[in-house]
Amino acid sequence: MAAIIGTRTVKKKKISNLKKIVSRKIIPPLVAITIFLIIWQLLCLNPNFKLPGPIETISETWDPFIINPFFDNGETDKGLGWQILNSLGRVGTGFSLAAITGITLGIIIGANKLLYNAVDPIIQVLRTVPPLAWLPISLAAFQQANPSAIFVIFITSIWPILINTIVGVQQIPQDYINVARILRLKGFRYFWKIVFPATVPYIFTGLRIGIGLSWLAIVAAEMLVGGIGIGSFIWDAYNTTTETNLSEIILALVYVGLVGLLLDKLVAFIARKVVPAEQK
């Protein structure tokens, strides 16, 4: 009898929690999106408003961009699915290189005050350079569009990762360092027991900022380097602007926003699994 009552109590708690999630996390965004779409559609009733409304956008892009996002007619005439995947491939490569380099250098620089004082001015100067300002240099160095775009991703995302890692290492409590000395922790054991738990929240903050900047930069970079990618798709559609192409651009922007949201949530999810519970 007690087991049955306990099971019912657990089920009631689960239902209650589900209702809270729906009422707080799902319904408010749906209401906000609905209001936004209604306002957008109402604005399009004005003949001077040249952009297509949500209904027109969906109807003009339904076939093939929505129902068949992976169509392939050769060369750059591909669906938005392939365009997004190509952009994600560049972002994944550039961001991964930036993460490995930024975390490694961040730990080394953060642990050495003399080295930090030497390179900090250089970091502060380079991090303020706009991402696309690096594109001519990368094109001159690599002579190819794809590695040039990857380099732009790398140079854009490395700074928040590097700086946050440095700050994390510098914020390690002195008590942790003293304990490491007493226990004679060195090398990998020191990193795993002391440095990693103390700096991992800072590292993931940098990674989360970096992935967002990477996705912003790749769209802009692809507009200039061309090829297959969501940025190139948007730019090509703009250069042959018609009412239908405007709908394609709007749909592409929606895809860009959704992918950016998913990337941010993915890094945040990994952070929740990795960051020690007491530091959340």
C-alpha atoms as a PDB file:
ATOM      1  CA  MET A   1       0.000   0.000   0.000  1.00  0.00           C
ATOM      2  CA  ALA A   2       2.781   2.393   0.954  1.00  0.00           C
ATOM      3  CA  ALA A   3       4.589   1.581  -2.292  1.00  0.00           C
ATOM      4  CA  ILE A   4       1.455   2.410  -4.320  1.00  0.00           C
ATOM      5  CA  ILE A   5       0.996   5.712  -2.490  1.00  0.00           C
ATOM      6  CA  GLY A   6       4.673   6.520  -3.013  1.00  0.00           C
ATOM      7  CA  THR A   7       4.404   5.774  -6.749  1.00  0.00           C
ATOM      8  CA  ARG A   8       1.336   8.006  -7.064  1.00  0.00           C
ATOM      9  CA  THR A   9       3.149  10.813  -5.228  1.00  0.00           C
ATOM     10  CA  VAL A  10       6.123  10.550  -7.606  1.00  0.00           C
ATOM     11  CA  LYS A  11       3.796  10.628 -10.628  1.00  0.00           C
ATOM     12  CA  LYS A  12       1.994  13.689  -9.261  1.00  0.00           C
ATOM     13  CA  LYS A  13       5.327  15.460  -8.754  1.00  0.00           C
ATOM     14  CA  LYS A  14       6.399  14.634 -12.307  1.00  0.00           C
ATOM     15  CA  ILE A  15       3.100  15.927 -13.712  1.00  0.00           C
ATOM     16  CA  SER A  16       3.401  19.065 -11.594  1.00  0.00           C
ATOM     17  CA  ASN A  17       6.975  19.669 -12.780  1.00  0.00           C
ATOM     18  CA  LEU A  18       5.925  19.092 -16.391  1.00  0.00           C
ATOM     19  CA  LYS A  19       3.122  21.636 -16.027  1.00  0.00           C
ATOM     20  CA  LYS A  20       5.579  24.178 -14.603  1.00  0.00           C
ATOM     21  CA  ILE A  21       7.976  23.631 -17.507  1.00  0.00           C
ATOM     22  CA  VAL A  22       5.172  24.057 -20.045  1.00  0.00           C
ATOM     23  CA  SER A  23       3.766  27.168 -18.350  1.00  0.00           C
ATOM     24  CA  ARG A  24       7.140  28.850 -17.812  1.00  0.00           C
ATOM     25  CA  LYS A  25       9.390  27.659 -20.639  1.00  0.00           C
ATOM     26  CA  ILE A  26       7.135  26.765 -23.574  1.00  0.00           C
ATOM     27  CA  ILE A  27       3.952  28.843 -23.517  1.00  0.00           C
ATOM     28  CA  PRO A  28       5.590  32.318 -23.054  1.00  0.00           C
ATOM     29  CA  PRO A  29       7.930  31.927 -26.085  1.00  0.00           C
ATOM     30  CA  LEU A  30       5.048  30.599 -28.223  1.00  0.00           C
ATOM     31  CA  VAL A  31       2.892  33.572 -27.253  1.00  0.00           C
ATOM     32  CA  ALA A  32       5.733  36.009 -27.987  1.00  0.00           C
ATOM     33  CA  ILE A  33       6.414  34.406 -31.401  1.00  0.00           C
ATOM     34  CA  THR A  34       2.704  34.494 -32.276  1.00  0.00           C
ATOM     35  CA  ILE A  35       2.451  38.197 -31.393  1.00  0.00           C
ATOM     36  CA  PHE A  36       5.584  38.935 -33.433  1.00  0.00           C
ATOM     37  CA  LEU A  37       4.213  37.103 -36.490  1.00  0.00           C
ATOM     38  CA  ILE A  38       0.854  38.906 -36.218  1.00  0.00           C
ATOM     39  CA  ILE A  39       2.559  42.317 -36.029  1.00  0.00           C
ATOM     40  CA  TRP A  40       4.786  41.392 -38.978  1.00  0.00           C
ATOM     41  CA  GLN A  41       1.785  40.275 -41.042  1.00  0.00           C
ATOM     42  CA  LEU A  42      -0.148  43.444 -40.172  1.00  0.00           C
ATOM     43  CA  LEU A  43       2.787  45.636 -41.238  1.00  0.00           C
ATOM     44  CA  CYS A  44       2.802  43.874 -44.595  1.00  0.00           C
ATOM     45  CA  LEU A  45      -0.763  45.078 -45.226  1.00  0.00           C
ATOM     46  CA  ASN A  46       0.779  48.494 -45.817  1.00  0.00           C
ATOM     47  CA  PRO A  47       1.593  48.723 -49.581  1.00  0.00           C
ATOM     48  CA  ASN A  48       4.714  50.757 -48.790  1.00  0.00           C
ATOM     49  CA  PHE A  49       6.125  47.885 -46.727  1.00  0.00           C
ATOM     50  CA  LYS A  50       8.154  45.960 -49.324  1.00  0.00           C
ATOM     51  CA  LEU A  51       9.069  42.861 -47.315  1.00  0.00           C
ATOM     52  CA  PRO A  52       6.962  39.694 -47.633  1.00  0.00           C
ATOM     53  CA  GLY A  53       4.867  38.675 -44.651  1.00  0.00           C
ATOM     54  CA  PRO A  54       5.158  35.351 -42.813  1.00  0.00           C
ATOM     55  CA  ILE A  55       2.366  33.728 -44.824  1.00  0.00           C
ATOM     56  CA  GLU A  56       3.873  34.848 -48.125  1.00  0.00           C
ATOM     57  CA  THR A  57       7.367  33.817 -46.995  1.00  0.00           C
ATOM     58  CA  ILE A  58       6.238  30.291 -46.175  1.00  0.00           C
ATOM     59  CA  SER A  59       4.193  29.892 -49.377  1.00  0.00           C
ATOM     60  CA  GLU A  60       7.056  31.100 -51.605  1.00  0.00           C
ATOM     61  CA  THR A  61       9.733  28.957 -49.974  1.00  0.00           C
ATOM     62  CA  TRP A  62       7.687  25.869 -49.157  1.00  0.00           C
ATOM     63  CA  ASP A  63       8.840  24.017 -52.269  1.00  0.00           C
ATOM     64  CA  PRO A  64      11.686  23.149 -52.229  1.00  0.00           C
ATOM     65  CA  PHE A  65      13.417  25.046 -49.402  1.00  0.00           C
ATOM     66  CA  ILE A  66      11.160  23.893 -46.552  1.00  0.00           C
ATOM     67  CA  ILE A  67       9.901  20.473 -47.644  1.00  0.00           C
ATOM     68  CA  ASN A  68      13.175  19.478 -49.341  1.00  0.00           C
ATOM     69  CA  PRO A  69      16.079  21.301 -47.654  1.00  0.00           C
ATOM     70  CA  PHE A  70      18.627  18.789 -49.001  1.00  0.00           C
ATOM     71  CA  PHE A  71      17.984  19.090 -52.729  1.00  0.00           C
ATOM     72  CA  ASP A  72      21.125  19.225 -54.884  1.00  0.00           C
ATOM     73  CA  ASN A  73      21.068  20.615 -58.406  1.00  0.00           C
ATOM     74  CA  GLY A  74      24.834  20.817 -58.686  1.00  0.00           C
ATOM     75  CA  GLU A  75      27.454  23.500 -57.988  1.00  0.00           C
ATOM     76  CA  THR A  76      26.055  26.065 -55.506  1.00  0.00           C
ATOM     77  CA  ASP A  77      22.370  25.360 -56.253  1.00  0.00           C
ATOM     78  CA  LYS A  78      21.724  23.346 -53.111  1.00  0.00           C
ATOM     79  CA  GLY A  79      19.098  23.304 -50.375  1.00  0.00           C
ATOM     80  CA  LEU A  80      19.435  25.182 -47.113  1.00  0.00           C
ATOM     81  CA  GLY A  81      20.246  21.923 -45.349  1.00  0.00           C
ATOM     82  CA  TRP A  82      23.457  21.517 -47.345  1.00  0.00           C
ATOM     83  CA  GLN A  83      24.267  25.217 -46.980  1.00  0.00           C
ATOM     84  CA  ILE A  84      23.922  25.007 -43.190  1.00  0.00           C
ATOM     85  CA  LEU A  85      25.977  21.797 -42.981  1.00  0.00           C
ATOM     86  CA  ASN A  86      28.828  23.329 -44.977  1.00  0.00           C
ATOM     87  CA  SER A  87      28.835  26.373 -42.718  1.00  0.00           C
ATOM     88  CA  LEU A  88      28.728  24.162 -39.626  1.00  0.00           C
ATOM     89  CA  GLY A  89      31.700  22.198 -40.949  1.00  0.00           C
ATOM     90  CA  ARG A  90      33.765  25.369 -41.202  1.00  0.00           C
ATOM     91  CA  VAL A  91      32.602  26.541 -37.783  1.00  0.00           C
ATOM     92  CA  GLY A  92      33.358  23.153 -36.223  1.00  0.00           C
ATOM     93  CA  THR A  93      36.899  23.121 -37.581  1.00  0.00           C
ATOM     94  CA  GLY A  94      37.746  26.719 -36.725  1.00  0.00           C
ATOM     95  CA  PHE A  95      36.081  26.632 -33.314  1.00  0.00           C
ATOM     96  CA  SER A  96      37.733  23.327 -32.345  1.00  0.00           C
ATOM     97  CA  LEU A  97      41.174  24.703 -33.231  1.00  0.00           C
ATOM     98  CA  ALA A  98      40.406  27.873 -31.275  1.00  0.00           C
ATOM     99  CA  ALA A  99      39.216  25.885 -28.245  1.00  0.00           C
ATOM    100  CA  ILE A 100      42.331  23.676 -28.150  1.00  0.00           C
ATOM    101  CA  THR A 101      44.693  26.602 -28.692  1.00  0.00           C
ATOM    102  CA  GLY A 102      42.852  29.031 -26.415  1.00  0.00           C
ATOM    103  CA  ILE A 103      42.543  26.656 -23.464  1.00  0.00           C
ATOM    104  CA  THR A 104      46.162  25.462 -23.734  1.00  0.00           C
ATOM    105  CA  LEU A 105      47.634  28.953 -24.040  1.00  0.00           C
ATOM    106  CA  GLY A 106      45.222  30.287 -21.426  1.00  0.00           C
ATOM    107  CA  ILE A 107      46.436  27.807 -18.817  1.00  0.00           C
ATOM    108  CA  ILE A 108      50.089  28.492 -19.638  1.00  0.00           C
ATOM    109  CA  ILE A 109      49.723  32.279 -19.651  1.00  0.00           C
ATOM    110  CA  GLY A 110      47.445  32.381 -16.617  1.00  0.00           C
ATOM    111  CA  ALA A 111      49.890  30.339 -14.546  1.00  0.00           C
ATOM    112  CA  ASN A 112      52.877  32.603 -15.324  1.00  0.00           C
ATOM    113  CA  LYS A 113      52.591  36.239 -14.218  1.00  0.00           C
ATOM    114  CA  LEU A 114      55.651  37.372 -16.159  1.00  0.00           C
ATOM    115  CA  LEU A 115      54.354  35.794 -19.370  1.00  0.00           C
ATOM    116  CA  TYR A 116      50.907  37.272 -18.757  1.00  0.00           C
ATOM    117  CA  ASN A 117      52.318  40.789 -18.328  1.00  0.00           C
ATOM    118  CA  ALA A 118      54.298  40.343 -21.552  1.00  0.00           C
ATOM    119  CA  VAL A 119      51.484  39.136 -23.828  1.00  0.00           C
ATOM    120  CA  ASP A 120      48.411  40.832 -22.323  1.00  0.00           C
ATOM    121  CA  PRO A 121      48.868  44.070 -24.349  1.00  0.00           C
ATOM    122  CA  ILE A 122      49.143  42.017 -27.551  1.00  0.00           C
ATOM    123  CA  ILE A 123      45.966  40.075 -26.699  1.00  0.00           C
ATOM    124  CA  GLN A 124      44.056  43.268 -25.907  1.00  0.00           C
ATOM    125  CA  VAL A 125      45.071  44.837 -29.233  1.00  0.00           C
ATOM    126  CA  LEU A 126      44.345  41.808 -31.412  1.00  0.00           C
ATOM    127  CA  ARG A 127      41.000  40.954 -29.835  1.00  0.00           C
ATOM    128  CA  THR A 128      39.568  44.351 -30.823  1.00  0.00           C
ATOM    129  CA  VAL A 129      40.227  43.805 -34.544  1.00  0.00           C
ATOM    130  CA  PRO A 130      36.894  43.134 -36.328  1.00  0.00           C
ATOM    131  CA  PRO A 131      36.661  39.549 -37.652  1.00  0.00           C
ATOM    132  CA  LEU A 132      36.267  40.497 -41.317  1.00  0.00           C
ATOM    133  CA  ALA A 133      39.373  42.690 -41.146  1.00  0.00           C
ATOM    134  CA  TRP A 134      41.365  39.437 -40.957  1.00  0.00           C
ATOM    135  CA  LEU A 135      39.842  38.091 -44.168  1.00  0.00           C
ATOM    136  CA  PRO A 136      42.211  39.856 -46.640  1.00  0.00           C
ATOM    137  CA  ILE A 137      45.191  38.592 -44.641  1.00  0.00           C
ATOM    138  CA  SER A 138      43.844  35.031 -44.554  1.00  0.00           C
ATOM    139  CA  LEU A 139      43.077  35.103 -48.297  1.00  0.00           C
ATOM    140  CA  ALA A 140      46.600  36.327 -49.001  1.00  0.00           C
ATOM    141  CA  ALA A 141      48.087  33.632 -46.749  1.00  0.00           C
ATOM    142  CA  PHE A 142      45.990  30.628 -47.801  1.00  0.00           C
ATOM    143  CA  GLN A 143      44.993  31.610 -51.363  1.00  0.00           C
ATOM    144  CA  GLN A 144      41.768  29.612 -50.951  1.00  0.00           C
ATOM    145  CA  ALA A 145      38.302  30.511 -49.703  1.00  0.00           C
ATOM    146  CA  ASN A 146      37.645  27.544 -47.392  1.00  0.00           C
ATOM    147  CA  PRO A 147      40.775  27.747 -45.178  1.00  0.00           C
ATOM    148  CA  SER A 148      40.438  31.545 -45.171  1.00  0.00           C
ATOM    149  CA  ALA A 149      36.917  31.314 -43.751  1.00  0.00           C
ATOM    150  CA  ILE A 150      38.082  28.758 -41.167  1.00  0.00           C
ATOM    151  CA  PHE A 151      40.894  31.105 -40.119  1.00  0.00           C
ATOM    152  CA  VAL A 152      38.368  33.923 -39.605  1.00  0.00           C
ATOM    153  CA  ILE A 153      36.372  31.592 -37.334  1.00  0.00           C
ATOM    154  CA  PHE A 154      39.526  30.657 -35.441  1.00  0.00           C
ATOM    155  CA  ILE A 155      40.698  34.227 -34.892  1.00  0.00           C
ATOM    156  CA  THR A 156      37.198  35.371 -33.917  1.00  0.00           C
ATOM    157  CA  SER A 157      36.472  32.716 -31.308  1.00  0.00           C
ATOM    158  CA  ILE A 158      39.903  32.279 -29.730  1.00  0.00           C
ATOM    159  CA  TRP A 159      39.892  35.539 -27.747  1.00  0.00           C
ATOM    160  CA  PRO A 160      36.954  34.902 -25.382  1.00  0.00           C
ATOM    161  CA  ILE A 161      38.204  31.353 -24.809  1.00  0.00           C
ATOM    162  CA  LEU A 162      41.778  32.484 -24.152  1.00  0.00           C
ATOM    163  CA  ILE A 163      40.850  35.408 -21.897  1.00  0.00           C
ATOM    164  CA  ASN A 164      38.320  33.465 -19.829  1.00  0.00           C
ATOM    165  CA  THR A 165      40.780  30.602 -19.349  1.00  0.00           C
ATOM    166  CA  ILE A 166      43.487  33.020 -18.207  1.00  0.00           C
ATOM    167  CA  VAL A 167      41.082  34.625 -15.724  1.00  0.00           C
ATOM    168  CA  GLY A 168      40.025  31.197 -14.472  1.00  0.00           C
ATOM    169  CA  VAL A 169      43.611  30.138 -13.789  1.00  0.00           C
ATOM    170  CA  GLN A 170      44.361  33.443 -12.061  1.00  0.00           C
ATOM    171  CA  GLN A 171      41.298  33.025  -9.842  1.00  0.00           C
ATOM    172  CA  ILE A 172      42.369  29.650  -8.424  1.00  0.00           C
ATOM    173  CA  PRO A 173      42.103  30.067  -4.617  1.00  0.00           C
ATOM    174  CA  GLN A 174      45.417  30.167  -2.799  1.00  0.00           C
ATOM    175  CA  ASP A 175      44.157  27.427  -0.471  1.00  0.00           C
ATOM    176  CA  TYR A 176      43.933  25.061  -3.473  1.00  0.00           C
ATOM    177  CA  ILE A 177      47.509  25.862  -4.431  1.00  0.00           C
ATOM    178  CA  ASN A 178      48.707  25.325  -0.858  1.00  0.00           C
ATOM    179  CA  VAL A 179      46.972  21.953  -0.679  1.00  0.00           C
ATOM    180  CA  ALA A 180      48.592  20.963  -3.995  1.00  0.00           C
ATOM    181  CA  ARG A 181      52.015  21.826  -2.563  1.00  0.00           C
ATOM    182  CA  ILE A 182      51.377  19.822   0.585  1.00  0.00           C
ATOM    183  CA  LEU A 183      50.206  16.809  -1.421  1.00  0.00           C
ATOM    184  CA  ARG A 184      53.030  17.362  -3.937  1.00  0.00           C
ATOM    185  CA  LEU A 185      50.675  17.375  -6.884  1.00  0.00           C
ATOM    186  CA  LYS A 186      52.513  18.047 -10.122  1.00  0.00           C
ATOM    187  CA  GLY A 187      52.014  17.743 -13.846  1.00  0.00           C
ATOM    188  CA  PHE A 188      48.824  16.043 -14.969  1.00  0.00           C
ATOM    189  CA  ARG A 189      47.648  15.338 -11.407  1.00  0.00           C
ATOM    190  CA  TYR A 190      47.921  19.032 -10.513  1.00  0.00           C
ATOM    191  CA  PHE A 191      45.979  19.999 -13.626  1.00  0.00           C
ATOM    192  CA  TRP A 192      43.258  17.376 -13.102  1.00  0.00           C
ATOM    193  CA  LYS A 193      42.807  17.874  -9.355  1.00  0.00           C
ATOM    194  CA  ILE A 194      43.337  21.635  -9.025  1.00  0.00           C
ATOM    195  CA  VAL A 195      43.417  23.595 -12.279  1.00  0.00           C
ATOM    196  CA  PHE A 196      40.589  21.894 -14.176  1.00  0.00           C
ATOM    197  CA  PRO A 197      37.892  21.993 -11.445  1.00  0.00           C
ATOM    198  CA  ALA A 198      38.718  25.625 -10.647  1.00  0.00           C
ATOM    199  CA  THR A 199      38.849  26.924 -14.230  1.00  0.00           C
ATOM    200  CA  VAL A 200      36.251  24.827 -16.053  1.00  0.00           C
ATOM    201  CA  PRO A 201      33.350  27.271 -15.364  1.00  0.00           C
ATOM    202  CA  TYR A 202      35.418  30.085 -16.874  1.00  0.00           C
ATOM    203  CA  ILE A 203      36.444  27.903 -19.814  1.00  0.00           C
ATOM    204  CA  PHE A 204      32.850  27.063 -20.694  1.00  0.00           C
ATOM    205  CA  THR A 205      31.852  30.709 -20.415  1.00  0.00           C
ATOM    206  CA  GLY A 206      34.508  31.439 -23.030  1.00  0.00           C
ATOM    207  CA  LEU A 207      33.390  28.502 -25.179  1.00  0.00           C
ATOM    208  CA  ARG A 208      29.780  29.663 -25.090  1.00  0.00           C
ATOM    209  CA  ILE A 209      30.718  33.183 -26.151  1.00  0.00           C
ATOM    210  CA  GLY A 210      33.128  31.824 -28.750  1.00  0.00           C
ATOM    211  CA  ILE A 211      30.599  29.550 -30.469  1.00  0.00           C
ATOM    212  CA  GLY A 212      28.157  32.439 -30.811  1.00  0.00           C
ATOM    213  CA  LEU A 213      30.809  34.690 -32.327  1.00  0.00           C
ATOM    214  CA  SER A 214      31.897  31.864 -34.644  1.00  0.00           C
ATOM    215  CA  TRP A 215      28.432  31.488 -36.095  1.00  0.00           C
ATOM    216  CA  LEU A 216      28.130  35.258 -36.559  1.00  0.00           C
ATOM    217  CA  ALA A 217      31.501  35.458 -38.293  1.00  0.00           C
ATOM    218  CA  ILE A 218      30.997  32.544 -40.692  1.00  0.00           C
ATOM    219  CA  VAL A 219      27.866  34.090 -42.196  1.00  0.00           C
ATOM    220  CA  ALA A 220      29.702  37.356 -42.850  1.00  0.00           C
ATOM    221  CA  ALA A 221      32.855  35.633 -44.118  1.00  0.00           C
ATOM    222  CA  GLU A 222      30.945  33.396 -46.545  1.00  0.00           C
ATOM    223  CA  MET A 223      29.251  36.451 -48.027  1.00  0.00           C
ATOM    224  CA  LEU A 224      32.687  37.548 -49.212  1.00  0.00           C
ATOM    225  CA  VAL A 225      34.463  34.284 -50.042  1.00  0.00           C
ATOM    226  CA  GLY A 226      31.520  32.627 -51.831  1.00  0.00           C
ATOM    227  CA  GLY A 227      31.119  28.896 -52.349  1.00  0.00           C
ATOM    228  CA  ILE A 228      28.574  26.731 -50.561  1.00  0.00           C
ATOM    229  CA  GLY A 229      27.375  28.041 -47.202  1.00  0.00           C
ATOM    230  CA  ILE A 230      24.482  29.893 -45.642  1.00  0.00           C
ATOM    231  CA  GLY A 231      26.271  33.253 -45.899  1.00  0.00           C
ATOM    232  CA  SER A 232      26.944  32.758 -49.609  1.00  0.00           C
ATOM    233  CA  PHE A 233      23.320  31.691 -50.111  1.00  0.00           C
ATOM    234  CA  ILE A 234      22.031  34.904 -48.510  1.00  0.00           C
ATOM    235  CA  TRP A 235      24.411  37.098 -50.497  1.00  0.00           C
ATOM    236  CA  ASP A 236      23.632  35.401 -53.824  1.00  0.00           C
ATOM    237  CA  ALA A 237      19.908  35.743 -53.169  1.00  0.00           C
ATOM    238  CA  TYR A 238      20.364  39.431 -52.377  1.00  0.00           C
ATOM    239  CA  ASN A 239      22.324  40.084 -55.589  1.00  0.00           C
ATOM    240  CA  THR A 240      19.433  38.663 -57.636  1.00  0.00           C
ATOM    241  CA  THR A 241      16.753  40.294 -55.519  1.00  0.00           C
ATOM    242  CA  THR A 242      13.147  39.536 -56.371  1.00  0.00           C
ATOM    243  CA  GLU A 243      10.158  39.174 -54.062  1.00  0.00           C
ATOM    244  CA  THR A 244      10.709  35.408 -54.014  1.00  0.00           C
ATOM    245  CA  ASN A 245      14.391  35.839 -53.188  1.00  0.00           C
ATOM    246  CA  LEU A 246      13.483  38.109 -50.264  1.00  0.00           C
ATOM    247  CA  SER A 247      11.415  35.238 -48.870  1.00  0.00           C
ATOM    248  CA  GLU A 248      14.400  32.927 -49.307  1.00  0.00           C
ATOM    249  CA  ILE A 249      16.634  35.384 -47.440  1.00  0.00           C
ATOM    250  CA  ILE A 250      14.142  35.656 -44.563  1.00  0.00           C
ATOM    251  CA  LEU A 251      13.870  31.865 -44.341  1.00  0.00           C
ATOM    252  CA  ALA A 252      17.679  31.580 -44.343  1.00  0.00           C
ATOM    253  CA  LEU A 253      17.877  34.119 -41.507  1.00  0.00           C
ATOM    254  CA  VAL A 254      15.398  32.047 -39.498  1.00  0.00           C
ATOM    255  CA  TYR A 255      17.583  28.970 -40.073  1.00  0.00           C
ATOM    256  CA  VAL A 256      20.674  30.920 -39.016  1.00  0.00           C
ATOM    257  CA  GLY A 257      18.991  32.031 -35.788  1.00  0.00           C
ATOM    258  CA  LEU A 258      17.733  28.547 -34.948  1.00  0.00           C
ATOM    259  CA  VAL A 259      21.137  26.946 -35.553  1.00  0.00           C
ATOM    260  CA  GLY A 260      22.819  29.629 -33.451  1.00  0.00           C
ATOM    261  CA  LEU A 261      20.363  28.915 -30.633  1.00  0.00           C
ATOM    262  CA  LEU A 262      21.010  25.166 -30.855  1.00  0.00           C
ATOM    263  CA  LEU A 263      24.798  25.675 -30.773  1.00  0.00           C
ATOM    264  CA  ASP A 264      24.517  27.847 -27.667  1.00  0.00           C
ATOM    265  CA  LYS A 265      22.234  25.344 -25.930  1.00  0.00           C
ATOM    266  CA  LEU A 266      24.561  22.474 -26.863  1.00  0.00           C
ATOM    267  CA  VAL A 267      27.572  24.136 -25.221  1.00  0.00           C
ATOM    268  CA  ALA A 268      25.436  25.058 -22.203  1.00  0.00           C
ATOM    269  CA  PHE A 269      24.243  21.430 -21.913  1.00  0.00           C
ATOM    270  CA  ILE A 270      27.805  20.102 -22.009  1.00  0.00           C
ATOM    271  CA  ALA A 271      28.795  22.693 -19.399  1.00  0.00           C
ATOM    272  CA  ARG A 272      26.051  21.479 -17.036  1.00  0.00           C
ATOM    273  CA  LYS A 273      27.413  17.940 -17.344  1.00  0.00           C
ATOM    274  CA  VAL A 274      31.075  18.894 -16.891  1.00  0.00           C
ATOM    275  CA  VAL A 275      31.126  21.811 -14.432  1.00  0.00           C
ATOM    276  CA  PRO A 276      31.339  20.574 -10.825  1.00  0.00           C
ATOM    277  CA  ALA A 277      27.978  20.819  -9.060  1.00  0.00           C
ATOM    278  CA  GLU A 278      29.285  23.087  -6.297  1.00  0.00           C
ATOM    279  CA  GLN A 279      30.457  25.648  -8.870  1.00  0.00           C
ATOM    280  CA  LYS A 280      27.211  25.918 -10.841  1.00  0.00           C
END
